[in-house]
Amino acid sequence: MQHHISHRLMTLAFAASTALMGLYAGWHYAMGDYVALFTPLFMMLVLLAALLLHVYRSPSPYLPRLILLLATYLTMLAAIWHPPDISLVWLGLPLAATFLLLPLWAALAITVLLAPVWWLTPLANAPASWIMGFLVTALLLALPRLEHARRQALLRATDPHDAECDAFHIEALHRRLRSEHQRALVLNRHLAVLVIHLPQLDMAGEQFGHRAQTALLATLCDEVHHQCRGYDVLGRAAPATFWLALPHTSESGALLVQERLMRGLSRRIPVETGRLEARIGICLLGNEESIDAFLQRLAHRGETLSAPPEAL
């Protein structure tokens, strides 16, 4: 399950964590606890490195989050190993950070795997109420995420549109194509499908993040809806591949639509990626061709278009 947090919010979280760690180090210095001062000072440098990785786009969006999470756990361990008084806050803080920074199932796995580790720390002598508090806190942190995932699944089951762009998702697209296939066979009419692949999509995500990907998808969908008829069907068959169903359209009509789309998309120039590139292929429904065979042919054409240029 993916876990998207806005770049600005994560920047604020990293900056606030670095500042809080600096305040924690200053508190130790003011209290004259110079032995415990080393850990927050070192962690402040680690968090500063995580902030820089986040701001300058590390290869993996989860790398700075993992660094922040590791710094939280190490700070907690240092605090409970040199108490004067152990507080339950030091057990709840990394637990909350785990569920906030990581996808749900990764957070649950880390929580379960690290639960036995606490028995090797001074927390093993904590009262039974602490164990109950730990379990209740984990449950309270997991339940909202589980409910959100359930609502998203329900919304996806009832909403035919893709979550990232103005196009049908794959299940709704298959249903519409089956309906158009039956209509074409019964009325003896043509059915053409344009297979559209965006080769820049993965590159945009790796270099500029999720927002650049969303901008590319929005640009494609906007141009398709501008160039096509109201009853034409655009659906997302794969992360970077779309199918545009053109009912009552012959091969010559499909070629005209392909040419219009290529010309229109070439005029779109997103800021991050430059001129928009698209590979477009045409698939025509054959006489008495079954819908399963037609869908398989469309999928194969999409794989062909997504291959590297030297393999085409």
C-alpha atoms as a PDB file:
ATOM      1  CA  MET A   1       0.000   0.000   0.000  1.00  0.00           C
ATOM      2  CA  GLN A   2       1.471   3.332  -1.021  1.00  0.00           C
ATOM      3  CA  HIS A   3       1.650   6.158   1.500  1.00  0.00           C
ATOM      4  CA  HIS A   4       1.779   9.642  -0.021  1.00  0.00           C
ATOM      5  CA  ILE A   5       2.560  12.722   2.100  1.00  0.00           C
ATOM      6  CA  SER A   6       2.961  16.131   0.512  1.00  0.00           C
ATOM      7  CA  HIS A   7       6.517  17.308  -0.032  1.00  0.00           C
ATOM      8  CA  ARG A   8       5.905  20.566   1.855  1.00  0.00           C
ATOM      9  CA  LEU A   9       4.480  18.761   4.893  1.00  0.00           C
ATOM     10  CA  MET A  10       7.416  16.342   5.010  1.00  0.00           C
ATOM     11  CA  THR A  11       9.856  19.259   4.709  1.00  0.00           C
ATOM     12  CA  LEU A  12       8.181  20.871   7.719  1.00  0.00           C
ATOM     13  CA  ALA A  13       8.358  17.563   9.628  1.00  0.00           C
ATOM     14  CA  PHE A  14      12.096  17.134   8.968  1.00  0.00           C
ATOM     15  CA  ALA A  15      12.845  20.757   9.883  1.00  0.00           C
ATOM     16  CA  ALA A  16      10.784  20.537  13.085  1.00  0.00           C
ATOM     17  CA  SER A  17      12.455  17.241  14.052  1.00  0.00           C
ATOM     18  CA  THR A  18      15.905  18.763  13.590  1.00  0.00           C
ATOM     19  CA  ALA A  19      14.929  21.806  15.673  1.00  0.00           C
ATOM     20  CA  LEU A  20      13.414  19.660  18.435  1.00  0.00           C
ATOM     21  CA  MET A  21      16.528  17.501  18.559  1.00  0.00           C
ATOM     22  CA  GLY A  22      18.601  20.666  18.907  1.00  0.00           C
ATOM     23  CA  LEU A  23      16.377  21.827  21.776  1.00  0.00           C
ATOM     24  CA  TYR A  24      16.727  18.404  23.397  1.00  0.00           C
ATOM     25  CA  ALA A  25      20.512  18.658  23.160  1.00  0.00           C
ATOM     26  CA  GLY A  26      20.357  22.193  24.605  1.00  0.00           C
ATOM     27  CA  TRP A  27      18.272  20.939  27.526  1.00  0.00           C
ATOM     28  CA  HIS A  28      20.892  18.274  28.347  1.00  0.00           C
ATOM     29  CA  TYR A  29      23.595  20.928  28.150  1.00  0.00           C
ATOM     30  CA  ALA A  30      21.658  23.259  30.451  1.00  0.00           C
ATOM     31  CA  MET A  31      21.121  20.426  32.939  1.00  0.00           C
ATOM     32  CA  GLY A  32      24.816  19.596  32.922  1.00  0.00           C
ATOM     33  CA  ASP A  33      24.145  16.055  31.673  1.00  0.00           C
ATOM     34  CA  TYR A  34      27.156  15.957  29.356  1.00  0.00           C
ATOM     35  CA  VAL A  35      27.201  12.147  29.094  1.00  0.00           C
ATOM     36  CA  ALA A  36      23.756  12.080  27.431  1.00  0.00           C
ATOM     37  CA  LEU A  37      24.553  15.141  25.297  1.00  0.00           C
ATOM     38  CA  PHE A  38      26.416  13.189  22.608  1.00  0.00           C
ATOM     39  CA  THR A  39      23.371  11.256  21.333  1.00  0.00           C
ATOM     40  CA  PRO A  40      21.061  14.239  20.516  1.00  0.00           C
ATOM     41  CA  LEU A  41      23.958  16.166  18.973  1.00  0.00           C
ATOM     42  CA  PHE A  42      24.796  13.274  16.677  1.00  0.00           C
ATOM     43  CA  MET A  43      21.126  12.690  15.858  1.00  0.00           C
ATOM     44  CA  MET A  44      20.720  16.365  15.011  1.00  0.00           C
ATOM     45  CA  LEU A  45      23.402  15.976  12.326  1.00  0.00           C
ATOM     46  CA  VAL A  46      21.690  12.798  11.064  1.00  0.00           C
ATOM     47  CA  LEU A  47      18.345  14.585  10.852  1.00  0.00           C
ATOM     48  CA  LEU A  48      19.967  17.501   9.036  1.00  0.00           C
ATOM     49  CA  ALA A  49      21.308  15.012   6.477  1.00  0.00           C
ATOM     50  CA  ALA A  50      17.793  13.528   6.130  1.00  0.00           C
ATOM     51  CA  LEU A  51      16.382  17.027   5.585  1.00  0.00           C
ATOM     52  CA  LEU A  52      18.915  17.728   2.831  1.00  0.00           C
ATOM     53  CA  LEU A  53      18.173  14.355   1.196  1.00  0.00           C
ATOM     54  CA  HIS A  54      14.468  15.176   1.236  1.00  0.00           C
ATOM     55  CA  VAL A  55      14.866  18.708  -0.108  1.00  0.00           C
ATOM     56  CA  TYR A  56      17.213  17.662  -2.924  1.00  0.00           C
ATOM     57  CA  ARG A  57      15.146  14.588  -3.897  1.00  0.00           C
ATOM     58  CA  SER A  58      16.855  11.393  -2.791  1.00  0.00           C
ATOM     59  CA  PRO A  59      16.518   8.366  -5.146  1.00  0.00           C
ATOM     60  CA  SER A  60      13.973   6.799  -2.789  1.00  0.00           C
ATOM     61  CA  PRO A  61      11.301   8.936  -1.067  1.00  0.00           C
ATOM     62  CA  TYR A  62      11.362   6.564   1.914  1.00  0.00           C
ATOM     63  CA  LEU A  63      15.114   6.899   2.604  1.00  0.00           C
ATOM     64  CA  PRO A  64      14.871  10.221   4.519  1.00  0.00           C
ATOM     65  CA  ARG A  65      11.832   8.867   6.402  1.00  0.00           C
ATOM     66  CA  LEU A  66      13.745   5.757   7.437  1.00  0.00           C
ATOM     67  CA  ILE A  67      16.628   7.914   8.649  1.00  0.00           C
ATOM     68  CA  LEU A  68      14.200  10.012  10.710  1.00  0.00           C
ATOM     69  CA  LEU A  69      12.580   6.871  12.102  1.00  0.00           C
ATOM     70  CA  LEU A  70      15.959   5.329  12.990  1.00  0.00           C
ATOM     71  CA  ALA A  71      17.037   8.544  14.726  1.00  0.00           C
ATOM     72  CA  THR A  72      13.795   8.506  16.737  1.00  0.00           C
ATOM     73  CA  TYR A  73      14.343   4.913  17.875  1.00  0.00           C
ATOM     74  CA  LEU A  74      18.001   5.503  18.805  1.00  0.00           C
ATOM     75  CA  THR A  75      17.134   8.639  20.760  1.00  0.00           C
ATOM     76  CA  MET A  76      14.445   6.718  22.620  1.00  0.00           C
ATOM     77  CA  LEU A  77      16.808   3.866  23.462  1.00  0.00           C
ATOM     78  CA  ALA A  78      19.426   6.292  24.731  1.00  0.00           C
ATOM     79  CA  ALA A  79      16.821   8.061  26.873  1.00  0.00           C
ATOM     80  CA  ILE A  80      15.436   4.919  28.522  1.00  0.00           C
ATOM     81  CA  TRP A  81      18.908   3.449  29.104  1.00  0.00           C
ATOM     82  CA  HIS A  82      20.134   6.491  31.025  1.00  0.00           C
ATOM     83  CA  PRO A  83      17.031   7.475  32.959  1.00  0.00           C
ATOM     84  CA  PRO A  84      16.624   9.249  35.907  1.00  0.00           C
ATOM     85  CA  ASP A  85      12.983   8.401  35.293  1.00  0.00           C
ATOM     86  CA  ILE A  86      11.570   6.403  32.383  1.00  0.00           C
ATOM     87  CA  SER A  87       8.495   7.959  30.799  1.00  0.00           C
ATOM     88  CA  LEU A  88       5.894   6.228  28.656  1.00  0.00           C
ATOM     89  CA  VAL A  89       6.385   9.043  26.127  1.00  0.00           C
ATOM     90  CA  TRP A  90       9.656   7.416  25.045  1.00  0.00           C
ATOM     91  CA  LEU A  91       7.754   4.257  24.052  1.00  0.00           C
ATOM     92  CA  GLY A  92       4.889   6.032  22.282  1.00  0.00           C
ATOM     93  CA  LEU A  93       7.017   8.497  20.306  1.00  0.00           C
ATOM     94  CA  PRO A  94       8.745   5.996  17.954  1.00  0.00           C
ATOM     95  CA  LEU A  95       5.497   4.025  17.693  1.00  0.00           C
ATOM     96  CA  ALA A  96       3.637   7.110  16.464  1.00  0.00           C
ATOM     97  CA  ALA A  97       6.491   8.030  14.105  1.00  0.00           C
ATOM     98  CA  THR A  98       6.439   4.530  12.592  1.00  0.00           C
ATOM     99  CA  PHE A  99       2.745   4.722  11.714  1.00  0.00           C
ATOM    100  CA  LEU A 100       2.988   8.295  10.446  1.00  0.00           C
ATOM    101  CA  LEU A 101       6.052   7.891   8.223  1.00  0.00           C
ATOM    102  CA  LEU A 102       5.666   4.401   6.721  1.00  0.00           C
ATOM    103  CA  PRO A 103       2.952   2.505   4.832  1.00  0.00           C
ATOM    104  CA  LEU A 104       0.514   0.699   7.097  1.00  0.00           C
ATOM    105  CA  TRP A 105       1.722  -2.873   6.607  1.00  0.00           C
ATOM    106  CA  ALA A 106       5.374  -1.858   6.973  1.00  0.00           C
ATOM    107  CA  ALA A 107       4.523  -0.040  10.222  1.00  0.00           C
ATOM    108  CA  LEU A 108       2.647  -3.068  11.559  1.00  0.00           C
ATOM    109  CA  ALA A 109       5.514  -5.400  10.635  1.00  0.00           C
ATOM    110  CA  ILE A 110       8.124  -3.195  12.347  1.00  0.00           C
ATOM    111  CA  THR A 111       5.960  -2.856  15.459  1.00  0.00           C
ATOM    112  CA  VAL A 112       5.481  -6.616  15.759  1.00  0.00           C
ATOM    113  CA  LEU A 113       9.131  -7.443  15.049  1.00  0.00           C
ATOM    114  CA  LEU A 114      10.476  -4.902  17.540  1.00  0.00           C
ATOM    115  CA  ALA A 115       8.049  -5.766  20.347  1.00  0.00           C
ATOM    116  CA  PRO A 116      10.357  -8.512  21.787  1.00  0.00           C
ATOM    117  CA  VAL A 117      13.319  -6.112  21.704  1.00  0.00           C
ATOM    118  CA  TRP A 118      11.799  -3.989  24.455  1.00  0.00           C
ATOM    119  CA  TRP A 119      12.302  -6.904  26.874  1.00  0.00           C
ATOM    120  CA  LEU A 120      16.068  -6.388  26.547  1.00  0.00           C
ATOM    121  CA  THR A 121      15.779  -2.794  27.760  1.00  0.00           C
ATOM    122  CA  PRO A 122      14.866  -1.299  31.155  1.00  0.00           C
ATOM    123  CA  LEU A 123      11.258  -1.294  29.917  1.00  0.00           C
ATOM    124  CA  ALA A 124      11.151  -5.014  30.771  1.00  0.00           C
ATOM    125  CA  ASN A 125      10.648  -3.983  34.386  1.00  0.00           C
ATOM    126  CA  ALA A 126       7.828  -1.593  33.539  1.00  0.00           C
ATOM    127  CA  PRO A 127       4.372  -2.229  35.039  1.00  0.00           C
ATOM    128  CA  ALA A 128       1.758  -4.216  33.140  1.00  0.00           C
ATOM    129  CA  SER A 129      -0.208  -1.044  32.440  1.00  0.00           C
ATOM    130  CA  TRP A 130       2.605   0.055  30.125  1.00  0.00           C
ATOM    131  CA  ILE A 131       2.145  -3.036  27.977  1.00  0.00           C
ATOM    132  CA  MET A 132      -1.568  -2.317  27.774  1.00  0.00           C
ATOM    133  CA  GLY A 133      -0.796   1.303  26.883  1.00  0.00           C
ATOM    134  CA  PHE A 134       1.593   0.173  24.137  1.00  0.00           C
ATOM    135  CA  LEU A 135      -1.033  -2.126  22.601  1.00  0.00           C
ATOM    136  CA  VAL A 136      -3.789   0.483  22.831  1.00  0.00           C
ATOM    137  CA  THR A 137      -1.560   3.145  21.248  1.00  0.00           C
ATOM    138  CA  ALA A 138      -0.649   0.806  18.370  1.00  0.00           C
ATOM    139  CA  LEU A 139      -4.324  -0.011  17.845  1.00  0.00           C
ATOM    140  CA  LEU A 140      -5.357   3.643  17.883  1.00  0.00           C
ATOM    141  CA  LEU A 141      -2.653   4.491  15.353  1.00  0.00           C
ATOM    142  CA  ALA A 142      -3.524   1.586  13.037  1.00  0.00           C
ATOM    143  CA  LEU A 143      -7.326   1.883  13.069  1.00  0.00           C
ATOM    144  CA  PRO A 144      -7.584   5.236  11.196  1.00  0.00           C
ATOM    145  CA  ARG A 145      -5.240   3.956   8.481  1.00  0.00           C
ATOM    146  CA  LEU A 146      -7.222   0.705   8.178  1.00  0.00           C
ATOM    147  CA  GLU A 147     -10.479   2.632   7.942  1.00  0.00           C
ATOM    148  CA  HIS A 148      -8.966   4.941   5.321  1.00  0.00           C
ATOM    149  CA  ALA A 149      -7.797   1.930   3.295  1.00  0.00           C
ATOM    150  CA  ARG A 150     -11.272   0.371   3.567  1.00  0.00           C
ATOM    151  CA  ARG A 151     -12.926   3.575   2.359  1.00  0.00           C
ATOM    152  CA  GLN A 152     -10.451   3.887  -0.499  1.00  0.00           C
ATOM    153  CA  ALA A 153     -11.190   0.308  -1.568  1.00  0.00           C
ATOM    154  CA  LEU A 154     -14.935   0.998  -1.393  1.00  0.00           C
ATOM    155  CA  LEU A 155     -14.527   4.208  -3.363  1.00  0.00           C
ATOM    156  CA  ARG A 156     -12.441   2.431  -5.989  1.00  0.00           C
ATOM    157  CA  ALA A 157     -15.083  -0.301  -6.290  1.00  0.00           C
ATOM    158  CA  THR A 158     -17.838   2.257  -6.900  1.00  0.00           C
ATOM    159  CA  ASP A 159     -15.925   5.003  -8.735  1.00  0.00           C
ATOM    160  CA  PRO A 160     -14.949   4.064 -12.299  1.00  0.00           C
ATOM    161  CA  HIS A 161     -12.280   6.764 -12.569  1.00  0.00           C
ATOM    162  CA  ASP A 162      -8.575   6.334 -11.958  1.00  0.00           C
ATOM    163  CA  ALA A 163      -7.250   7.772  -8.707  1.00  0.00           C
ATOM    164  CA  GLU A 164      -4.567   9.915 -10.413  1.00  0.00           C
ATOM    165  CA  CYS A 165      -6.151  11.211 -13.617  1.00  0.00           C
ATOM    166  CA  ASP A 166      -9.394  11.805 -15.508  1.00  0.00           C
ATOM    167  CA  ALA A 167      -9.621   8.365 -17.091  1.00  0.00           C
ATOM    168  CA  PHE A 168     -11.327   5.074 -16.287  1.00  0.00           C
ATOM    169  CA  HIS A 169      -9.390   2.569 -14.211  1.00  0.00           C
ATOM    170  CA  ILE A 170      -8.621  -0.855 -15.664  1.00  0.00           C
ATOM    171  CA  GLU A 171     -11.716  -2.696 -14.351  1.00  0.00           C
ATOM    172  CA  ALA A 172     -14.149  -0.018 -15.576  1.00  0.00           C
ATOM    173  CA  LEU A 173     -12.242   0.187 -18.862  1.00  0.00           C
ATOM    174  CA  HIS A 174     -12.668  -3.553 -19.444  1.00  0.00           C
ATOM    175  CA  ARG A 175     -16.393  -3.290 -18.691  1.00  0.00           C
ATOM    176  CA  ARG A 176     -16.811  -0.436 -21.187  1.00  0.00           C
ATOM    177  CA  LEU A 177     -14.832  -2.266 -23.843  1.00  0.00           C
ATOM    178  CA  ARG A 178     -16.956  -5.387 -23.398  1.00  0.00           C
ATOM    179  CA  SER A 179     -20.075  -3.256 -23.818  1.00  0.00           C
ATOM    180  CA  GLU A 180     -18.689  -1.534 -26.929  1.00  0.00           C
ATOM    181  CA  HIS A 181     -17.608  -4.925 -28.311  1.00  0.00           C
ATOM    182  CA  GLN A 182     -21.138  -6.323 -27.996  1.00  0.00           C
ATOM    183  CA  ARG A 183     -22.621  -3.185 -29.549  1.00  0.00           C
ATOM    184  CA  ALA A 184     -20.198  -3.335 -32.469  1.00  0.00           C
ATOM    185  CA  LEU A 185     -20.995  -6.993 -33.164  1.00  0.00           C
ATOM    186  CA  VAL A 186     -24.771  -6.558 -32.881  1.00  0.00           C
ATOM    187  CA  LEU A 187     -24.934  -3.386 -35.001  1.00  0.00           C
ATOM    188  CA  ASN A 188     -22.151  -4.498 -37.369  1.00  0.00           C
ATOM    189  CA  ARG A 189     -20.128  -1.357 -36.735  1.00  0.00           C
ATOM    190  CA  HIS A 190     -16.434  -0.595 -36.456  1.00  0.00           C
ATOM    191  CA  LEU A 191     -14.521  -0.348 -33.180  1.00  0.00           C
ATOM    192  CA  ALA A 192     -11.020   1.092 -32.991  1.00  0.00           C
ATOM    193  CA  VAL A 193      -8.784   1.509 -29.955  1.00  0.00           C
ATOM    194  CA  LEU A 194      -5.743   3.760 -29.733  1.00  0.00           C
ATOM    195  CA  VAL A 195      -3.027   2.464 -27.404  1.00  0.00           C
ATOM    196  CA  ILE A 196      -1.156   5.458 -25.945  1.00  0.00           C
ATOM    197  CA  HIS A 197       2.107   5.104 -24.020  1.00  0.00           C
ATOM    198  CA  LEU A 198       3.899   7.886 -22.123  1.00  0.00           C
ATOM    199  CA  PRO A 199       7.630   7.021 -22.028  1.00  0.00           C
ATOM    200  CA  GLN A 200       8.430  10.104 -19.903  1.00  0.00           C
ATOM    201  CA  LEU A 201       6.196   9.110 -16.973  1.00  0.00           C
ATOM    202  CA  ASP A 202       8.680   6.951 -15.034  1.00  0.00           C
ATOM    203  CA  MET A 203      11.499   9.425 -15.625  1.00  0.00           C
ATOM    204  CA  ALA A 204       9.336  12.286 -14.358  1.00  0.00           C
ATOM    205  CA  GLY A 205       8.568  10.379 -11.163  1.00  0.00           C
ATOM    206  CA  GLU A 206      12.202   9.481 -10.508  1.00  0.00           C
ATOM    207  CA  GLN A 207      13.589  12.970 -11.153  1.00  0.00           C
ATOM    208  CA  PHE A 208      10.790  15.322 -10.112  1.00  0.00           C
ATOM    209  CA  GLY A 209       8.474  13.291  -7.878  1.00  0.00           C
ATOM    210  CA  HIS A 210       4.823  12.326  -7.845  1.00  0.00           C
ATOM    211  CA  ARG A 211       3.567  15.822  -8.666  1.00  0.00           C
ATOM    212  CA  ALA A 212       5.356  15.837 -12.042  1.00  0.00           C
ATOM    213  CA  GLN A 213       3.797  12.459 -12.865  1.00  0.00           C
ATOM    214  CA  THR A 214       0.349  13.775 -12.021  1.00  0.00           C
ATOM    215  CA  ALA A 215       0.941  16.839 -14.218  1.00  0.00           C
ATOM    216  CA  LEU A 216       1.902  14.624 -17.175  1.00  0.00           C
ATOM    217  CA  LEU A 217      -1.191  12.451 -16.720  1.00  0.00           C
ATOM    218  CA  ALA A 218      -3.434  15.512 -16.457  1.00  0.00           C
ATOM    219  CA  THR A 219      -1.908  16.969 -19.632  1.00  0.00           C
ATOM    220  CA  LEU A 220      -2.537  13.777 -21.590  1.00  0.00           C
ATOM    221  CA  CYS A 221      -6.128  13.380 -20.382  1.00  0.00           C
ATOM    222  CA  ASP A 222      -6.918  17.042 -21.046  1.00  0.00           C
ATOM    223  CA  GLU A 223      -5.612  16.840 -24.608  1.00  0.00           C
ATOM    224  CA  VAL A 224      -7.462  13.580 -25.326  1.00  0.00           C
ATOM    225  CA  HIS A 225     -10.766  14.954 -24.026  1.00  0.00           C
ATOM    226  CA  HIS A 226     -10.208  18.126 -26.056  1.00  0.00           C
ATOM    227  CA  GLN A 227      -9.556  16.262 -29.309  1.00  0.00           C
ATOM    228  CA  CYS A 228     -12.114  13.450 -29.044  1.00  0.00           C
ATOM    229  CA  ARG A 229     -15.864  13.014 -29.009  1.00  0.00           C
ATOM    230  CA  GLY A 230     -17.966  12.892 -25.871  1.00  0.00           C
ATOM    231  CA  TYR A 231     -18.700   9.154 -26.144  1.00  0.00           C
ATOM    232  CA  ASP A 232     -15.107   8.085 -26.769  1.00  0.00           C
ATOM    233  CA  VAL A 233     -13.709   6.141 -23.803  1.00  0.00           C
ATOM    234  CA  LEU A 234     -10.288   6.845 -22.271  1.00  0.00           C
ATOM    235  CA  GLY A 235      -8.968   4.374 -19.717  1.00  0.00           C
ATOM    236  CA  ARG A 236      -5.686   3.691 -17.961  1.00  0.00           C
ATOM    237  CA  ALA A 237      -4.578   0.151 -18.744  1.00  0.00           C
ATOM    238  CA  ALA A 238      -1.152   0.394 -17.049  1.00  0.00           C
ATOM    239  CA  PRO A 239       0.752   3.074 -15.089  1.00  0.00           C
ATOM    240  CA  ALA A 240       2.056   4.678 -18.307  1.00  0.00           C
ATOM    241  CA  THR A 241      -0.320   3.172 -20.912  1.00  0.00           C
ATOM    242  CA  PHE A 242      -3.826   4.300 -21.883  1.00  0.00           C
ATOM    243  CA  TRP A 243      -6.481   2.861 -24.180  1.00  0.00           C
ATOM    244  CA  LEU A 244      -8.745   5.220 -26.109  1.00  0.00           C
ATOM    245  CA  ALA A 245     -11.822   3.376 -27.420  1.00  0.00           C
ATOM    246  CA  LEU A 246     -13.336   4.956 -30.540  1.00  0.00           C
ATOM    247  CA  PRO A 247     -16.812   3.491 -31.254  1.00  0.00           C
ATOM    248  CA  HIS A 248     -18.119   3.635 -34.838  1.00  0.00           C
ATOM    249  CA  THR A 249     -14.622   4.500 -36.091  1.00  0.00           C
ATOM    250  CA  SER A 250     -12.913   2.906 -39.076  1.00  0.00           C
ATOM    251  CA  GLU A 251      -9.179   2.635 -39.683  1.00  0.00           C
ATOM    252  CA  SER A 252      -9.071   5.930 -41.585  1.00  0.00           C
ATOM    253  CA  GLY A 253     -10.923   7.699 -38.770  1.00  0.00           C
ATOM    254  CA  ALA A 254      -8.570   6.188 -36.193  1.00  0.00           C
ATOM    255  CA  LEU A 255      -5.584   7.427 -38.204  1.00  0.00           C
ATOM    256  CA  LEU A 256      -7.028  10.949 -38.223  1.00  0.00           C
ATOM    257  CA  VAL A 257      -7.523  10.847 -34.443  1.00  0.00           C
ATOM    258  CA  GLN A 258      -3.985   9.515 -34.003  1.00  0.00           C
ATOM    259  CA  GLU A 259      -2.573  12.352 -36.104  1.00  0.00           C
ATOM    260  CA  ARG A 260      -4.580  14.993 -34.213  1.00  0.00           C
ATOM    261  CA  LEU A 261      -3.454  13.620 -30.872  1.00  0.00           C
ATOM    262  CA  MET A 262       0.202  13.439 -31.885  1.00  0.00           C
ATOM    263  CA  ARG A 263       0.069  17.027 -33.127  1.00  0.00           C
ATOM    264  CA  GLY A 264      -1.792  18.267 -30.060  1.00  0.00           C
ATOM    265  CA  LEU A 265       0.430  16.456 -27.550  1.00  0.00           C
ATOM    266  CA  SER A 266       3.578  17.721 -29.253  1.00  0.00           C
ATOM    267  CA  ARG A 267       2.422  21.283 -28.531  1.00  0.00           C
ATOM    268  CA  ARG A 268       2.115  20.547 -24.807  1.00  0.00           C
ATOM    269  CA  ILE A 269       5.333  21.445 -22.960  1.00  0.00           C
ATOM    270  CA  PRO A 270       5.224  20.696 -19.204  1.00  0.00           C
ATOM    271  CA  VAL A 271       7.776  22.685 -17.196  1.00  0.00           C
ATOM    272  CA  GLU A 272       9.658  19.729 -15.687  1.00  0.00           C
ATOM    273  CA  THR A 273       9.892  17.328 -18.635  1.00  0.00           C
ATOM    274  CA  GLY A 274       9.869  19.573 -21.677  1.00  0.00           C
ATOM    275  CA  ARG A 275       7.942  18.624 -24.810  1.00  0.00           C
ATOM    276  CA  LEU A 276       5.441  15.838 -24.133  1.00  0.00           C
ATOM    277  CA  GLU A 277       6.235  12.576 -25.931  1.00  0.00           C
ATOM    278  CA  ALA A 278       3.710   9.850 -26.705  1.00  0.00           C
ATOM    279  CA  ARG A 279       3.733   6.601 -28.649  1.00  0.00           C
ATOM    280  CA  ILE A 280       0.369   5.766 -30.193  1.00  0.00           C
ATOM    281  CA  GLY A 281      -0.679   2.529 -31.870  1.00  0.00           C
ATOM    282  CA  ILE A 282      -3.983   1.486 -33.456  1.00  0.00           C
ATOM    283  CA  CYS A 283      -5.896  -1.750 -32.909  1.00  0.00           C
ATOM    284  CA  LEU A 284      -9.048  -2.506 -34.930  1.00  0.00           C
ATOM    285  CA  LEU A 285     -11.645  -5.048 -33.853  1.00  0.00           C
ATOM    286  CA  GLY A 286     -11.584  -7.978 -36.252  1.00  0.00           C
ATOM    287  CA  ASN A 287     -14.639  -9.709 -37.704  1.00  0.00           C
ATOM    288  CA  GLU A 288     -16.127 -12.068 -35.092  1.00  0.00           C
ATOM    289  CA  GLU A 289     -13.110 -11.474 -32.827  1.00  0.00           C
ATOM    290  CA  SER A 290     -13.844 -12.308 -29.192  1.00  0.00           C
ATOM    291  CA  ILE A 291     -13.433  -9.652 -26.542  1.00  0.00           C
ATOM    292  CA  ASP A 292     -10.817 -11.705 -24.666  1.00  0.00           C
ATOM    293  CA  ALA A 293      -8.675 -12.010 -27.782  1.00  0.00           C
ATOM    294  CA  PHE A 294      -9.109  -8.298 -28.476  1.00  0.00           C
ATOM    295  CA  LEU A 295      -8.084  -7.354 -24.917  1.00  0.00           C
ATOM    296  CA  GLN A 296      -5.059  -9.623 -25.151  1.00  0.00           C
ATOM    297  CA  ARG A 297      -4.065  -7.970 -28.425  1.00  0.00           C
ATOM    298  CA  LEU A 298      -4.401  -4.523 -26.843  1.00  0.00           C
ATOM    299  CA  ALA A 299      -2.228  -5.562 -23.892  1.00  0.00           C
ATOM    300  CA  HIS A 300       0.424  -6.955 -26.230  1.00  0.00           C
ATOM    301  CA  ARG A 301       0.408  -3.728 -28.258  1.00  0.00           C
ATOM    302  CA  GLY A 302       0.911  -1.729 -25.060  1.00  0.00           C
ATOM    303  CA  GLU A 303       3.899  -3.892 -24.100  1.00  0.00           C
ATOM    304  CA  THR A 304       5.365  -3.343 -27.558  1.00  0.00           C
ATOM    305  CA  LEU A 305       4.994   0.438 -27.307  1.00  0.00           C
ATOM    306  CA  SER A 306       6.564   0.487 -23.823  1.00  0.00           C
ATOM    307  CA  ALA A 307       9.679  -1.373 -25.024  1.00  0.00           C
ATOM    308  CA  PRO A 308      12.915   0.665 -25.426  1.00  0.00           C
ATOM    309  CA  PRO A 309      13.270   2.387 -28.818  1.00  0.00           C
ATOM    310  CA  GLU A 310      16.004   0.006 -29.955  1.00  0.00           C
ATOM    311  CA  ALA A 311      13.664  -2.945 -29.294  1.00  0.00           C
ATOM    312  CA  LEU A 312      10.772  -1.501 -31.315  1.00  0.00           C
END
